[in-house]
PDB file of all heavy atoms in Angstrom:
ATOM      1  N   ARG A   1      -6.541  10.499 -16.070  1.00  0.00           N
ATOM      2  CA  ARG A   1      -5.793  11.127 -17.162  1.00  0.00           C
ATOM      3  C   ARG A   1      -6.786  11.679 -18.173  1.00  0.00           C
ATOM      4  O   ARG A   1      -7.969  11.333 -18.158  1.00  0.00           O
ATOM      5  CB  ARG A   1      -4.880  10.116 -17.832  1.00  0.00           C
ATOM      6  CG  ARG A   1      -5.644   9.013 -18.525  1.00  0.00           C
ATOM      7  CD  ARG A   1      -4.724   8.051 -19.221  1.00  0.00           C
ATOM      8  NE  ARG A   1      -5.523   6.931 -19.725  1.00  0.00           N
ATOM      9  CZ  ARG A   1      -5.138   5.683 -19.692  1.00  0.00           C
ATOM     10  NH1 ARG A   1      -3.973   5.359 -19.197  1.00  0.00           N
ATOM     11  NH2 ARG A   1      -5.919   4.742 -20.167  1.00  0.00           N
ATOM     12  N   ARG A   2      -6.264  12.510 -19.067  1.00  0.00           N
ATOM     13  CA  ARG A   2      -7.059  13.001 -20.183  1.00  0.00           C
ATOM     14  C   ARG A   2      -6.794  12.103 -21.383  1.00  0.00           C
ATOM     15  O   ARG A   2      -5.677  11.686 -21.635  1.00  0.00           O
ATOM     16  CB  ARG A   2      -6.639  14.432 -20.558  1.00  0.00           C
ATOM     17  CG  ARG A   2      -6.807  15.474 -19.507  1.00  0.00           C
ATOM     18  CD  ARG A   2      -8.027  16.346 -19.643  1.00  0.00           C
ATOM     19  NE  ARG A   2      -8.513  16.621 -20.956  1.00  0.00           N
ATOM     20  CZ  ARG A   2      -8.233  17.728 -21.663  1.00  0.00           C
ATOM     21  NH1 ARG A   2      -7.452  18.664 -21.165  1.00  0.00           N
ATOM     22  NH2 ARG A   2      -8.753  17.889 -22.850  1.00  0.00           N
ATOM     23  N   VAL A   3      -7.837  11.828 -22.138  1.00  0.00           N
ATOM     24  CA  VAL A   3      -7.697  11.005 -23.343  1.00  0.00           C
ATOM     25  C   VAL A   3      -6.688  11.641 -24.296  1.00  0.00           C
ATOM     26  O   VAL A   3      -5.879  10.959 -24.911  1.00  0.00           O
ATOM     27  CB  VAL A   3      -9.069  10.811 -24.032  1.00  0.00           C
ATOM     28  CG1 VAL A   3      -8.914  10.142 -25.384  1.00  0.00           C
ATOM     29  CG2 VAL A   3     -10.004  10.023 -23.137  1.00  0.00           C
ATOM     30  N   GLY A   4      -6.689  12.963 -24.376  1.00  0.00           N
ATOM     31  CA  GLY A   4      -5.811  13.676 -25.306  1.00  0.00           C
ATOM     32  C   GLY A   4      -4.360  13.780 -24.902  1.00  0.00           C
ATOM     33  O   GLY A   4      -3.531  14.239 -25.685  1.00  0.00           O
ATOM     34  N   TRP A   5      -4.007  13.388 -23.680  1.00  0.00           N
ATOM     35  CA  TRP A   5      -2.600  13.448 -23.276  1.00  0.00           C
ATOM     36  C   TRP A   5      -1.842  12.407 -24.069  1.00  0.00           C
ATOM     37  O   TRP A   5      -2.187  11.235 -24.092  1.00  0.00           O
ATOM     38  CB  TRP A   5      -2.444  13.184 -21.793  1.00  0.00           C
ATOM     39  CG  TRP A   5      -2.860  14.337 -20.923  1.00  0.00           C
ATOM     40  CD1 TRP A   5      -3.217  15.586 -21.319  1.00  0.00           C
ATOM     41  CD2 TRP A   5      -2.954  14.338 -19.504  1.00  0.00           C
ATOM     42  NE1 TRP A   5      -3.532  16.368 -20.241  1.00  0.00           N
ATOM     43  CE2 TRP A   5      -3.374  15.625 -19.105  1.00  0.00           C
ATOM     44  CE3 TRP A   5      -2.727  13.378 -18.526  1.00  0.00           C
ATOM     45  CZ2 TRP A   5      -3.559  15.973 -17.773  1.00  0.00           C
ATOM     46  CZ3 TRP A   5      -2.924  13.724 -17.204  1.00  0.00           C
ATOM     47  CH2 TRP A   5      -3.325  15.012 -16.835  1.00  0.00           C
ATOM     48  N   ASN A   6      -0.787  12.840 -24.745  1.00  0.00           N
ATOM     49  CA  ASN A   6      -0.079  11.921 -25.640  1.00  0.00           C
ATOM     50  C   ASN A   6       1.198  11.340 -25.048  1.00  0.00           C
ATOM     51  O   ASN A   6       1.903  10.610 -25.711  1.00  0.00           O
ATOM     52  CB  ASN A   6       0.215  12.590 -26.989  1.00  0.00           C
ATOM     53  CG  ASN A   6       0.904  13.927 -26.827  1.00  0.00           C
ATOM     54  OD1 ASN A   6       1.250  14.320 -25.726  1.00  0.00           O
ATOM     55  ND2 ASN A   6       1.089  14.633 -27.921  1.00  0.00           N
ATOM     56  N   GLY A   7       1.512  11.645 -23.809  1.00  0.00           N
ATOM     57  CA  GLY A   7       2.673  11.024 -23.172  1.00  0.00           C
ATOM     58  C   GLY A   7       2.292   9.660 -22.618  1.00  0.00           C
ATOM     59  O   GLY A   7       1.315   9.527 -21.894  1.00  0.00           O
ATOM     60  N   LYS A   8       3.050   8.645 -22.972  1.00  0.00           N
ATOM     61  CA  LYS A   8       2.720   7.282 -22.561  1.00  0.00           C
ATOM     62  C   LYS A   8       2.727   7.161 -21.040  1.00  0.00           C
ATOM     63  O   LYS A   8       3.699   7.483 -20.378  1.00  0.00           O
ATOM     64  CB  LYS A   8       3.718   6.303 -23.163  1.00  0.00           C
ATOM     65  CG  LYS A   8       3.368   4.864 -22.861  1.00  0.00           C
ATOM     66  CD  LYS A   8       4.261   3.891 -23.577  1.00  0.00           C
ATOM     67  CE  LYS A   8       3.768   2.486 -23.295  1.00  0.00           C
ATOM     68  NZ  LYS A   8       4.537   1.500 -24.016  1.00  0.00           N
ATOM     69  N   GLY A   9       1.606   6.722 -20.499  1.00  0.00           N
ATOM     70  CA  GLY A   9       1.498   6.462 -19.073  1.00  0.00           C
ATOM     71  C   GLY A   9       1.217   7.673 -18.204  1.00  0.00           C
ATOM     72  O   GLY A   9       1.090   7.537 -16.987  1.00  0.00           O
ATOM     73  N   MET A  10       1.124   8.865 -18.795  1.00  0.00           N
ATOM     74  CA  MET A  10       0.876  10.063 -17.996  1.00  0.00           C
ATOM     75  C   MET A  10      -0.468   9.969 -17.282  1.00  0.00           C
ATOM     76  O   MET A  10      -1.457   9.547 -17.861  1.00  0.00           O
ATOM     77  CB  MET A  10       0.897  11.314 -18.874  1.00  0.00           C
ATOM     78  CG  MET A  10       2.260  11.692 -19.375  1.00  0.00           C
ATOM     79  SD  MET A  10       2.214  13.123 -20.483  1.00  0.00           S
ATOM     80  CE  MET A  10       1.568  14.386 -19.400  1.00  0.00           C
ATOM     81  N   HIS A  11      -0.470  10.358 -16.014  1.00  0.00           N
ATOM     82  CA  HIS A  11      -1.702  10.401 -15.238  1.00  0.00           C
ATOM     83  C   HIS A  11      -1.463  11.261 -14.006  1.00  0.00           C
ATOM     84  O   HIS A  11      -0.328  11.617 -13.698  1.00  0.00           O
ATOM     85  CB  HIS A  11      -2.164   8.994 -14.836  1.00  0.00           C
ATOM     86  CG  HIS A  11      -1.182   8.253 -13.983  1.00  0.00           C
ATOM     87  ND1 HIS A  11      -0.185   7.476 -14.527  1.00  0.00           N
ATOM     88  CD2 HIS A  11      -1.031   8.180 -12.637  1.00  0.00           C
ATOM     89  CE1 HIS A  11       0.529   6.947 -13.553  1.00  0.00           C
ATOM     90  NE2 HIS A  11       0.031   7.362 -12.387  1.00  0.00           N
ATOM     91  N   ILE A  12      -2.548  11.603 -13.308  1.00  0.00           N
ATOM     92  CA  ILE A  12      -2.407  12.320 -12.047  1.00  0.00           C
ATOM     93  C   ILE A  12      -3.011  11.483 -10.933  1.00  0.00           C
ATOM     94  O   ILE A  12      -3.867  10.621 -11.165  1.00  0.00           O
ATOM     95  CB  ILE A  12      -3.035  13.732 -12.086  1.00  0.00           C
ATOM     96  CG1 ILE A  12      -4.522  13.683 -12.396  1.00  0.00           C
ATOM     97  CG2 ILE A  12      -2.293  14.625 -13.050  1.00  0.00           C
ATOM     98  CD1 ILE A  12      -5.221  15.025 -12.268  1.00  0.00           C
ATOM     99  N   TYR A  13      -2.524  11.725  -9.734  1.00  0.00           N
ATOM    100  CA  TYR A  13      -3.026  11.024  -8.560  1.00  0.00           C
ATOM    101  C   TYR A  13      -2.883  11.930  -7.350  1.00  0.00           C
ATOM    102  O   TYR A  13      -2.107  12.891  -7.364  1.00  0.00           O
ATOM    103  CB  TYR A  13      -2.294   9.696  -8.347  1.00  0.00           C
ATOM    104  CG  TYR A  13      -0.801   9.826  -8.128  1.00  0.00           C
ATOM    105  CD1 TYR A  13      -0.273   9.884  -6.844  1.00  0.00           C
ATOM    106  CD2 TYR A  13       0.081   9.906  -9.199  1.00  0.00           C
ATOM    107  CE1 TYR A  13       1.089  10.005  -6.631  1.00  0.00           C
ATOM    108  CE2 TYR A  13       1.440  10.027  -9.006  1.00  0.00           C
ATOM    109  CZ  TYR A  13       1.939  10.075  -7.715  1.00  0.00           C
ATOM    110  OH  TYR A  13       3.290  10.206  -7.511  1.00  0.00           O
ATOM    111  N   LEU A  14      -3.643  11.643  -6.318  1.00  0.00           N
ATOM    112  CA  LEU A  14      -3.604  12.404  -5.078  1.00  0.00           C
ATOM    113  C   LEU A  14      -2.679  11.692  -4.105  1.00  0.00           C
ATOM    114  O   LEU A  14      -2.890  10.519  -3.780  1.00  0.00           O
ATOM    115  CB  LEU A  14      -5.016  12.516  -4.494  1.00  0.00           C
ATOM    116  CG  LEU A  14      -5.160  13.264  -3.179  1.00  0.00           C
ATOM    117  CD1 LEU A  14      -4.706  14.717  -3.323  1.00  0.00           C
ATOM    118  CD2 LEU A  14      -6.611  13.213  -2.705  1.00  0.00           C
ATOM    119  N   GLU A  15      -1.660  12.385  -3.665  1.00  0.00           N
ATOM    120  CA  GLU A  15      -0.696  11.837  -2.704  1.00  0.00           C
ATOM    121  C   GLU A  15      -1.045  12.376  -1.318  1.00  0.00           C
ATOM    122  O   GLU A  15      -1.228  13.580  -1.148  1.00  0.00           O
ATOM    123  CB  GLU A  15       0.720  12.267  -3.097  1.00  0.00           C
ATOM    124  CG  GLU A  15       1.822  11.731  -2.207  1.00  0.00           C
ATOM    125  CD  GLU A  15       2.052  10.244  -2.383  1.00  0.00           C
ATOM    126  OE1 GLU A  15       2.090   9.766  -3.524  1.00  0.00           O
ATOM    127  OE2 GLU A  15       2.186   9.562  -1.356  1.00  0.00           O
ATOM    128  N   ASP A  16      -1.147  11.491  -0.348  1.00  0.00           N
ATOM    129  CA  ASP A  16      -1.398  11.922   1.023  1.00  0.00           C
ATOM    130  C   ASP A  16      -0.235  12.758   1.532  1.00  0.00           C
ATOM    131  O   ASP A  16       0.897  12.623   1.076  1.00  0.00           O
ATOM    132  CB  ASP A  16      -1.565  10.710   1.951  1.00  0.00           C
ATOM    133  CG  ASP A  16      -2.857   9.963   1.707  1.00  0.00           C
ATOM    134  OD1 ASP A  16      -3.821  10.588   1.223  1.00  0.00           O
ATOM    135  OD2 ASP A  16      -2.903   8.759   2.007  1.00  0.00           O
ATOM    136  N   GLY A  17      -0.511  13.591   2.501  1.00  0.00           N
ATOM    137  CA  GLY A  17       0.559  14.341   3.135  1.00  0.00           C
ATOM    138  C   GLY A  17       1.484  13.399   3.885  1.00  0.00           C
ATOM    139  O   GLY A  17       1.131  12.270   4.208  1.00  0.00           O
ATOM    140  N   TYR A  18       2.683  13.841   4.182  1.00  0.00           N
ATOM    141  CA  TYR A  18       3.647  13.026   4.918  1.00  0.00           C
ATOM    142  C   TYR A  18       4.617  13.949   5.639  1.00  0.00           C
ATOM    143  O   TYR A  18       4.628  15.161   5.428  1.00  0.00           O
ATOM    144  CB  TYR A  18       4.382  12.063   3.985  1.00  0.00           C
ATOM    145  CG  TYR A  18       5.190  12.740   2.899  1.00  0.00           C
ATOM    146  CD1 TYR A  18       6.534  13.041   3.100  1.00  0.00           C
ATOM    147  CD2 TYR A  18       4.616  13.072   1.687  1.00  0.00           C
ATOM    148  CE1 TYR A  18       7.271  13.668   2.108  1.00  0.00           C
ATOM    149  CE2 TYR A  18       5.340  13.693   0.689  1.00  0.00           C
ATOM    150  CZ  TYR A  18       6.669  13.987   0.911  1.00  0.00           C
ATOM    151  OH  TYR A  18       7.395  14.610  -0.062  1.00  0.00           O
ATOM    152  N   SER A  19       5.451  13.375   6.476  1.00  0.00           N
ATOM    153  CA  SER A  19       6.469  14.168   7.155  1.00  0.00           C
ATOM    154  C   SER A  19       7.819  13.475   6.989  1.00  0.00           C
ATOM    155  O   SER A  19       7.889  12.251   6.870  1.00  0.00           O
ATOM    156  CB  SER A  19       6.125  14.340   8.634  1.00  0.00           C
ATOM    157  OG  SER A  19       6.150  13.109   9.303  1.00  0.00           O
ATOM    158  N   HIS A  20       8.865  14.280   6.967  1.00  0.00           N
ATOM    159  CA  HIS A  20      10.215  13.751   6.868  1.00  0.00           C
ATOM    160  C   HIS A  20      11.191  14.777   7.449  1.00  0.00           C
ATOM    161  O   HIS A  20      10.844  15.939   7.636  1.00  0.00           O
ATOM    162  CB  HIS A  20      10.574  13.396   5.423  1.00  0.00           C
ATOM    163  CG  HIS A  20      10.631  14.579   4.512  1.00  0.00           C
ATOM    164  ND1 HIS A  20       9.504  15.158   3.975  1.00  0.00           N
ATOM    165  CD2 HIS A  20      11.672  15.301   4.056  1.00  0.00           C
ATOM    166  CE1 HIS A  20       9.851  16.188   3.221  1.00  0.00           C
ATOM    167  NE2 HIS A  20      11.159  16.300   3.254  1.00  0.00           N
ATOM    168  N   THR A  21      12.405  14.342   7.704  1.00  0.00           N
ATOM    169  CA  THR A  21      13.439  15.217   8.233  1.00  0.00           C
ATOM    170  C   THR A  21      14.294  15.717   7.080  1.00  0.00           C
ATOM    171  O   THR A  21      14.735  14.929   6.235  1.00  0.00           O
ATOM    172  CB  THR A  21      14.313  14.468   9.261  1.00  0.00           C
ATOM    173  OG1 THR A  21      13.451  13.990  10.296  1.00  0.00           O
ATOM    174  CG2 THR A  21      15.372  15.372   9.853  1.00  0.00           C
ATOM    175  N   ILE A  22      14.533  17.030   7.050  1.00  0.00           N
ATOM    176  CA  ILE A  22      15.357  17.646   6.010  1.00  0.00           C
ATOM    177  C   ILE A  22      16.803  17.186   6.190  1.00  0.00           C
ATOM    178  O   ILE A  22      17.348  17.248   7.295  1.00  0.00           O
ATOM    179  CB  ILE A  22      15.269  19.189   6.080  1.00  0.00           C
ATOM    180  CG1 ILE A  22      13.820  19.661   6.036  1.00  0.00           C
ATOM    181  CG2 ILE A  22      16.115  19.833   4.989  1.00  0.00           C
ATOM    182  CD1 ILE A  22      13.076  19.282   4.795  1.00  0.00           C
ATOM    183  N   LYS A  23      17.426  16.708   5.108  1.00  0.00           N
ATOM    184  CA  LYS A  23      18.769  16.130   5.190  1.00  0.00           C
ATOM    185  C   LYS A  23      19.894  17.117   4.913  1.00  0.00           C
ATOM    186  O   LYS A  23      21.034  16.858   5.267  1.00  0.00           O
ATOM    187  CB  LYS A  23      18.867  14.941   4.232  1.00  0.00           C
ATOM    188  CG  LYS A  23      17.960  13.801   4.631  1.00  0.00           C
ATOM    189  CD  LYS A  23      18.112  12.618   3.708  1.00  0.00           C
ATOM    190  CE  LYS A  23      17.169  11.511   4.150  1.00  0.00           C
ATOM    191  NZ  LYS A  23      17.245  10.353   3.284  1.00  0.00           N
ATOM    192  N   ALA A  24      19.596  18.231   4.240  1.00  0.00           N
ATOM    193  CA  ALA A  24      20.666  19.176   3.899  1.00  0.00           C
ATOM    194  C   ALA A  24      20.093  20.575   3.749  1.00  0.00           C
ATOM    195  O   ALA A  24      18.879  20.759   3.669  1.00  0.00           O
ATOM    196  CB  ALA A  24      21.342  18.742   2.595  1.00  0.00           C
ATOM    197  N   GLY A  25      20.973  21.547   3.711  1.00  0.00           N
ATOM    198  CA  GLY A  25      20.552  22.922   3.478  1.00  0.00           C
ATOM    199  C   GLY A  25      20.251  23.685   4.757  1.00  0.00           C
ATOM    200  O   GLY A  25      20.535  23.237   5.870  1.00  0.00           O
ATOM    201  N   VAL A  26      19.650  24.835   4.605  1.00  0.00           N
ATOM    202  CA  VAL A  26      19.373  25.746   5.710  1.00  0.00           C
ATOM    203  C   VAL A  26      18.516  25.098   6.791  1.00  0.00           C
ATOM    204  O   VAL A  26      18.706  25.352   7.985  1.00  0.00           O
ATOM    205  CB  VAL A  26      18.693  27.030   5.180  1.00  0.00           C
ATOM    206  CG1 VAL A  26      18.305  27.955   6.317  1.00  0.00           C
ATOM    207  CG2 VAL A  26      19.596  27.744   4.191  1.00  0.00           C
ATOM    208  N   PHE A  27      17.585  24.260   6.407  1.00  0.00           N
ATOM    209  CA  PHE A  27      16.656  23.647   7.359  1.00  0.00           C
ATOM    210  C   PHE A  27      17.065  22.233   7.760  1.00  0.00           C
ATOM    211  O   PHE A  27      16.248  21.468   8.266  1.00  0.00           O
ATOM    212  CB  PHE A  27      15.239  23.653   6.790  1.00  0.00           C
ATOM    213  CG  PHE A  27      14.715  25.035   6.540  1.00  0.00           C
ATOM    214  CD1 PHE A  27      14.670  25.555   5.253  1.00  0.00           C
ATOM    215  CD2 PHE A  27      14.295  25.826   7.591  1.00  0.00           C
ATOM    216  CE1 PHE A  27      14.193  26.830   5.017  1.00  0.00           C
ATOM    217  CE2 PHE A  27      13.824  27.112   7.375  1.00  0.00           C
ATOM    218  CZ  PHE A  27      13.773  27.618   6.082  1.00  0.00           C
ATOM    219  N   LYS A  28      18.330  21.893   7.573  1.00  0.00           N
ATOM    220  CA  LYS A  28      18.831  20.547   7.892  1.00  0.00           C
ATOM    221  C   LYS A  28      18.447  20.163   9.317  1.00  0.00           C
ATOM    222  O   LYS A  28      18.611  20.938  10.258  1.00  0.00           O
ATOM    223  CB  LYS A  28      20.344  20.491   7.735  1.00  0.00           C
ATOM    224  CG  LYS A  28      20.929  19.122   7.991  1.00  0.00           C
ATOM    225  CD  LYS A  28      22.426  19.106   7.776  1.00  0.00           C
ATOM    226  CE  LYS A  28      22.973  17.711   8.038  1.00  0.00           C
ATOM    227  NZ  LYS A  28      24.416  17.658   7.788  1.00  0.00           N
ATOM    228  N   GLY A  29      17.901  18.940   9.450  1.00  0.00           N
ATOM    229  CA  GLY A  29      17.528  18.413  10.752  1.00  0.00           C
ATOM    230  C   GLY A  29      16.117  18.760  11.189  1.00  0.00           C
ATOM    231  O   GLY A  29      15.606  18.178  12.149  1.00  0.00           O
ATOM    232  N   GLU A  30      15.484  19.703  10.520  1.00  0.00           N
ATOM    233  CA  GLU A  30      14.116  20.072  10.881  1.00  0.00           C
ATOM    234  C   GLU A  30      13.120  19.120  10.235  1.00  0.00           C
ATOM    235  O   GLU A  30      13.374  18.542   9.190  1.00  0.00           O
ATOM    236  CB  GLU A  30      13.815  21.510  10.466  1.00  0.00           C
ATOM    237  CG  GLU A  30      14.601  22.529  11.268  1.00  0.00           C
ATOM    238  CD  GLU A  30      14.200  23.951  10.969  1.00  0.00           C
ATOM    239  OE1 GLU A  30      13.087  24.168  10.434  1.00  0.00           O
ATOM    240  OE2 GLU A  30      15.009  24.849  11.254  1.00  0.00           O
TER     241      GLU A  30
END
């Protein structure tokens, strides 16, 4: 995080890629 960020608990992190099945919409089931 940046010291100057004034939102309590704000931070960034790197999320690994993942896969999931689309549940609704045009791409449902893909």
